[in-house]
Structures are given as structure tokens and as C-alpha cells.
C-alpha atoms as a PDB file:
ATOM      1  CA  MET A   1       0.958  10.411   7.567  1.00  0.00           C
ATOM      2  CA  LYS A   2       1.702   8.408   4.456  1.00  0.00           C
ATOM      3  CA  VAL A   3      -0.593   5.627   3.265  1.00  0.00           C
ATOM      4  CA  GLU A   4      -0.409   3.328   0.262  1.00  0.00           C
ATOM      5  CA  LEU A   5      -2.951   3.280  -2.532  1.00  0.00           C
ATOM      6  CA  ILE A   6      -4.520  -0.167  -2.634  1.00  0.00           C
ATOM      7  CA  ARG A   7      -6.258  -1.796  -5.561  1.00  0.00           C
ATOM      8  CA  ILE A   8     -10.048  -2.035  -5.245  1.00  0.00           C
ATOM      9  CA  GLY A   9     -11.341  -3.596  -8.452  1.00  0.00           C
ATOM     10  CA  ASN A  10     -10.362  -1.248 -11.290  1.00  0.00           C
ATOM     11  CA  SER A  11      -9.943   1.650  -8.836  1.00  0.00           C
ATOM     12  CA  ARG A  12      -7.510   2.618  -6.115  1.00  0.00           C
ATOM     13  CA  GLY A  13      -8.267   3.489  -2.513  1.00  0.00           C
ATOM     14  CA  ILE A  14      -6.698   4.195   0.837  1.00  0.00           C
ATOM     15  CA  ARG A  15      -7.215   2.686   4.265  1.00  0.00           C
ATOM     16  CA  ILE A  16      -8.083   5.319   6.838  1.00  0.00           C
ATOM     17  CA  PRO A  17      -6.814   4.517  10.335  1.00  0.00           C
ATOM     18  CA  LYS A  18      -9.545   4.040  12.945  1.00  0.00           C
ATOM     19  CA  ALA A  19      -8.149   6.878  15.092  1.00  0.00           C
ATOM     20  CA  LEU A  20      -8.635   9.368  12.236  1.00  0.00           C
ATOM     21  CA  ILE A  21     -12.138   8.084  11.508  1.00  0.00           C
ATOM     22  CA  GLU A  22     -13.141   8.642  15.125  1.00  0.00           C
ATOM     23  CA  GLN A  23     -11.308  11.972  15.477  1.00  0.00           C
ATOM     24  CA  TYR A  24     -12.979  13.537  12.439  1.00  0.00           C
ATOM     25  CA  GLY A  25     -16.412  11.932  12.872  1.00  0.00           C
ATOM     26  CA  PHE A  26     -16.443   9.985   9.622  1.00  0.00           C
ATOM     27  CA  GLY A  27     -19.519   7.775   9.388  1.00  0.00           C
ATOM     28  CA  ARG A  28     -20.508   5.578   6.481  1.00  0.00           C
ATOM     29  CA  GLY A  29     -19.661   8.245   3.897  1.00  0.00           C
ATOM     30  CA  VAL A  30     -17.514  11.305   3.327  1.00  0.00           C
ATOM     31  CA  GLU A  31     -17.558  14.242   0.943  1.00  0.00           C
ATOM     32  CA  LEU A  32     -14.552  14.511  -1.369  1.00  0.00           C
ATOM     33  CA  ARG A  33     -13.494  17.669  -3.185  1.00  0.00           C
ATOM     34  CA  ILE A  34     -10.392  19.205  -4.693  1.00  0.00           C
ATOM     35  CA  GLU A  35      -9.147  22.500  -3.188  1.00  0.00           C
ATOM     36  CA  ASN A  36      -5.876  24.144  -4.196  1.00  0.00           C
ATOM     37  CA  ASP A  37      -4.593  20.944  -5.840  1.00  0.00           C
ATOM     38  CA  ARG A  38      -5.380  18.929  -2.706  1.00  0.00           C
ATOM     39  CA  LEU A  39      -7.911  16.198  -2.057  1.00  0.00           C
ATOM     40  CA  VAL A  40     -10.110  17.272   0.862  1.00  0.00           C
ATOM     41  CA  MET A  41     -12.247  14.746   2.715  1.00  0.00           C
ATOM     42  CA  VAL A  42     -14.901  15.942   5.181  1.00  0.00           C
ATOM     43  CA  PRO A  43     -17.589  14.091   7.143  1.00  0.00           C
ATOM     44  CA  ASP A  44     -20.834  13.632   5.226  1.00  0.00           C
ATOM     45  CA  HIS A  45     -23.366  15.194   7.599  1.00  0.00           C
ATOM     46  CA  ARG A  46     -26.878  16.311   6.871  1.00  0.00           C
ATOM     47  CA  PRO A  47     -27.444  20.061   7.323  1.00  0.00           C
ATOM     48  CA  ARG A  48     -28.369  20.821  10.942  1.00  0.00           C
ATOM     49  CA  GLN A  49     -27.677  17.217  11.940  1.00  0.00           C
ATOM     50  CA  GLY A  50     -27.889  16.896  15.717  1.00  0.00           C
ATOM     51  CA  TRP A  51     -29.716  20.199  16.264  1.00  0.00           C
ATOM     52  CA  GLU A  52     -32.951  18.557  17.411  1.00  0.00           C
ATOM     53  CA  GLU A  53     -31.161  16.609  20.125  1.00  0.00           C
ATOM     54  CA  ALA A  54     -29.251  19.729  21.209  1.00  0.00           C
ATOM     55  CA  PHE A  55     -32.532  21.656  21.550  1.00  0.00           C
ATOM     56  CA  ARG A  56     -33.999  18.858  23.670  1.00  0.00           C
ATOM     57  CA  ARG A  57     -30.952  18.852  25.962  1.00  0.00           C
ATOM     58  CA  ALA A  58     -31.207  22.646  26.326  1.00  0.00           C
ATOM     59  CA  GLY A  59     -34.501  22.173  28.168  1.00  0.00           C
ATOM     60  CA  GLU A  60     -37.768  24.059  28.256  1.00  0.00           C
ATOM     61  CA  SER A  61     -37.736  27.467  26.553  1.00  0.00           C
ATOM     62  CA  ALA A  62     -40.680  28.927  28.476  1.00  0.00           C
ATOM     63  CA  LYS A  63     -38.311  30.648  30.903  1.00  0.00           C
ATOM     64  CA  ASP A  64     -36.102  32.234  28.213  1.00  0.00           C
ATOM     65  CA  GLU A  65     -35.583  35.963  28.649  1.00  0.00           C
ATOM     66  CA  VAL A  66     -36.116  38.394  25.817  1.00  0.00           C
ATOM     67  CA  LEU A  67     -32.930  40.415  26.145  1.00  0.00           C
ATOM     68  CA  LEU A  68     -34.010  43.310  23.906  1.00  0.00           C
ATOM     69  CA  ASP A  69     -36.804  44.182  26.353  1.00  0.00           C
ATOM     70  CA  THR A  70     -34.219  44.902  29.054  1.00  0.00           C
ATOM     71  CA  ILE A  71     -32.336  47.547  27.003  1.00  0.00           C
ATOM     72  CA  PRO A  72     -33.483  51.100  27.714  1.00  0.00           C
ATOM     73  CA  THR A  73     -34.779  53.099  24.757  1.00  0.00           C
ATOM     74  CA  ASN A  74     -32.839  56.025  23.313  1.00  0.00           C
ATOM     75  CA  GLU A  75     -33.434  58.986  20.982  1.00  0.00           C
ATOM     76  CA  PHE A  76     -33.170  56.801  17.880  1.00  0.00           C
ATOM     77  CA  ASP A  77     -36.003  54.585  19.154  1.00  0.00           C
ATOM     78  CA  HIS A  78     -38.303  57.570  19.718  1.00  0.00           C
ATOM     79  CA  ILE A  79     -37.507  59.823  16.746  1.00  0.00           C
ATOM     80  CA  GLU A  80     -35.546  58.226  13.893  1.00  0.00           C
ATOM     81  CA  TRP A  81     -36.827  54.674  13.776  1.00  0.00           C
ATOM     82  CA  ARG A  82     -39.808  54.136  11.466  1.00  0.00           C
ATOM     83  CA  TRP A  83     -41.373  50.929  10.181  1.00  0.00           C
END
């Protein structure tokens, strides 16, 4: 997709089509960087953004199984493993 550089004060900018903004999750800001002679623009998200809500939707953890307790022990567990 080709876009024109537009004048914004003493700078230049581009207009990003709404469909691309929605598709890539751009909010009020983006991160810009240069990689291999290309301008890369990625959504500006906080680390772990949305994790809290995902944990809430996952539900109560009281019924979670501890999977390691279901694996039978072997020779390594009895002889070789030392803390």
C-alpha cells in the first residue's frame, strides 16, 4: 500500500487507514524503530497488558491440578537427584 507523506508543521507524516489501525491494534501511540533499512511500527502496549483480565476470565484456580504429582517416579528421582 502506498501513502503520501503529508506536511505536519516542519515535519512529515502519513495517514494510516482505519482498517490497518484496527487490524494491528494501534491505540493512541505506536513504537517506531528501524530494522534492516525499514521503518517498523508496532502497537505501543504495556508489558503484560491484558493479563489481569485474562486471569479473571480463566476463573477460580482452586481446582487446578498439579500435573507433576501425577507422573510416576523413576530411578533418577530416587538415586541421582539431589538438592
